[in-house]
Amino acid sequence: VAEACVEVIVSKAKLTQKPTAAKTVEVDGINTGRGADELILYVGKASTGTNGWGVEAVLSSSMKVEKVGKYGVGNTTIPAGKMVLSGHGKKSTWILENLKEGQQLSLTLKA
């Protein structure tokens, strides 16, 4: 009911959602083994090959978060044209607390 009320108010007042800036995320590696407290981006593979000690999020080719997984589910299948951001330890907690579906990301590689 609350969602319907919000939709009516937004429609009647002709409100628009303010675009949000992309969240910049530093990854520890690309297509490498995922170590303790690391955030790894997997792309162009069938799956991440990780164990269940972490959290993984599926990203679109335009770097939007499509799905945030649950803790303890590893080896996520990587859909064609998509990527998976995989976190362990502190980085798995970070994924759960900071990434939401539809959110735009910008990635940098840790030096």
Protein backbone atom coordinates (compact mmCIF):
# COMPACT_ATOMS: atom_id res chain seq x y z
CA VAL A 1 0.00 0.00 0.00
CA ALA A 2 2.82 2.38 0.91
CA GLU A 3 4.54 1.76 -2.43
CA ALA A 4 1.33 2.52 -4.31
CA CYS A 5 0.92 5.79 -2.39
CA VAL A 6 4.49 6.80 -3.23
CA GLU A 7 3.93 5.98 -6.91
CA VAL A 8 0.80 8.18 -7.01
CA ILE A 9 2.58 11.08 -5.29
CA VAL A 10 5.58 10.82 -7.62
CA SER A 11 3.30 10.66 -10.66
CA LYS A 12 1.02 13.54 -9.65
CA ALA A 13 3.87 15.82 -8.57
CA LYS A 14 5.92 14.86 -11.66
CA LEU A 15 8.89 14.08 -9.47
CA THR A 16 12.00 12.48 -10.91
CA GLN A 17 14.67 10.46 -9.18
CA LYS A 18 17.92 12.32 -8.77
CA PRO A 19 20.69 10.31 -10.44
CA THR A 20 23.27 9.01 -8.04
CA ALA A 21 26.99 8.95 -8.69
CA ALA A 22 28.60 5.59 -9.29
CA LYS A 23 30.12 3.99 -6.20
CA THR A 24 33.85 3.52 -6.77
CA VAL A 25 35.10 0.13 -5.65
CA GLU A 26 38.73 -0.97 -5.46
CA VAL A 27 39.26 -4.62 -6.41
CA ASP A 28 42.28 -6.68 -5.36
CA GLY A 29 42.48 -8.61 -8.62
CA ILE A 30 40.76 -9.90 -11.75
CA ASN A 31 40.18 -13.62 -12.39
CA THR A 32 42.64 -14.59 -9.63
CA GLY A 33 42.23 -16.77 -6.58
CA ARG A 34 40.28 -15.02 -3.83
CA GLY A 35 42.33 -14.68 -0.65
CA ALA A 36 41.52 -13.52 2.86
CA ASP A 37 39.76 -10.14 2.97
CA GLU A 38 39.98 -9.70 -0.81
CA LEU A 39 37.55 -8.43 -3.44
CA ILE A 40 38.05 -10.12 -6.83
CA LEU A 41 36.29 -9.42 -10.14
CA TYR A 42 35.53 -12.46 -12.29
CA VAL A 43 34.73 -11.98 -15.97
CA GLY A 44 34.77 -14.17 -19.09
CA LYS A 45 34.70 -17.45 -17.17
CA ALA A 46 31.99 -20.06 -16.58
CA SER A 47 32.03 -19.52 -12.81
CA THR A 48 34.09 -17.92 -10.05
CA GLY A 49 35.50 -21.21 -8.75
CA THR A 50 35.38 -19.86 -5.18
CA ASN A 51 34.50 -21.64 -1.96
CA GLY A 52 31.49 -20.77 0.18
CA TRP A 53 33.38 -18.51 2.59
CA GLY A 54 32.25 -15.21 1.12
CA VAL A 55 29.62 -13.25 -0.78
CA GLU A 56 29.27 -12.67 -4.52
CA ALA A 57 27.38 -10.05 -6.55
CA VAL A 58 26.47 -10.30 -10.24
CA LEU A 59 27.17 -7.15 -12.29
CA SER A 60 25.89 -6.19 -15.73
CA SER A 61 28.27 -5.27 -18.54
CA SER A 62 27.54 -1.62 -17.70
CA MET A 63 28.67 -2.22 -14.07
CA LYS A 64 25.23 -2.16 -12.46
CA VAL A 65 24.59 -4.50 -9.54
CA GLU A 66 22.03 -7.06 -10.69
CA LYS A 67 22.03 -9.45 -7.74
CA VAL A 68 23.70 -9.62 -4.35
CA GLY A 69 24.10 -13.15 -3.07
CA LYS A 70 24.05 -14.53 0.44
CA TYR A 71 26.99 -15.38 2.64
CA GLY A 72 28.19 -18.96 2.25
CA VAL A 73 27.35 -19.46 -1.42
CA GLY A 74 30.42 -19.60 -3.65
CA ASN A 75 31.30 -20.67 -7.18
CA THR A 76 28.67 -18.41 -8.75
CA THR A 77 27.88 -19.11 -12.40
CA ILE A 78 28.81 -16.06 -14.49
CA PRO A 79 26.02 -15.36 -16.99
CA ALA A 80 27.09 -14.48 -20.55
CA GLY A 81 28.07 -10.82 -20.80
CA LYS A 82 28.07 -10.36 -17.01
CA MET A 83 30.67 -10.20 -14.23
CA VAL A 84 30.82 -11.32 -10.62
CA LEU A 85 32.35 -9.38 -7.75
CA SER A 86 33.47 -11.84 -5.06
CA GLY A 87 34.41 -10.88 -1.52
CA HIS A 88 35.94 -12.79 1.39
CA GLY A 89 36.07 -11.87 5.09
CA LYS A 90 35.79 -8.10 5.61
CA LYS A 91 35.08 -7.64 1.90
CA SER A 92 32.12 -10.04 2.03
CA THR A 93 30.68 -7.94 4.85
CA TRP A 94 31.32 -4.83 2.76
CA ILE A 95 29.36 -6.29 -0.18
CA LEU A 96 26.38 -7.12 2.05
CA GLU A 97 26.36 -3.70 3.71
CA ASN A 98 27.09 -1.49 0.68
CA LEU A 99 25.84 -3.02 -2.58
CA LYS A 100 22.20 -2.84 -3.63
CA GLU A 101 20.50 -4.07 -6.80
CA GLY A 102 20.42 -1.38 -9.48
CA GLN A 103 23.40 0.48 -8.04
CA GLN A 104 25.98 1.78 -10.52
CA LEU A 105 29.62 0.89 -9.80
CA SER A 106 32.96 2.12 -10.99
CA LEU A 107 35.89 -0.26 -10.43
CA THR A 108 39.57 0.44 -9.92
CA LEU A 109 42.36 -2.12 -9.60
CA LYS A 110 44.42 -2.02 -6.42
CA ALA A 111 48.01 -1.08 -7.20
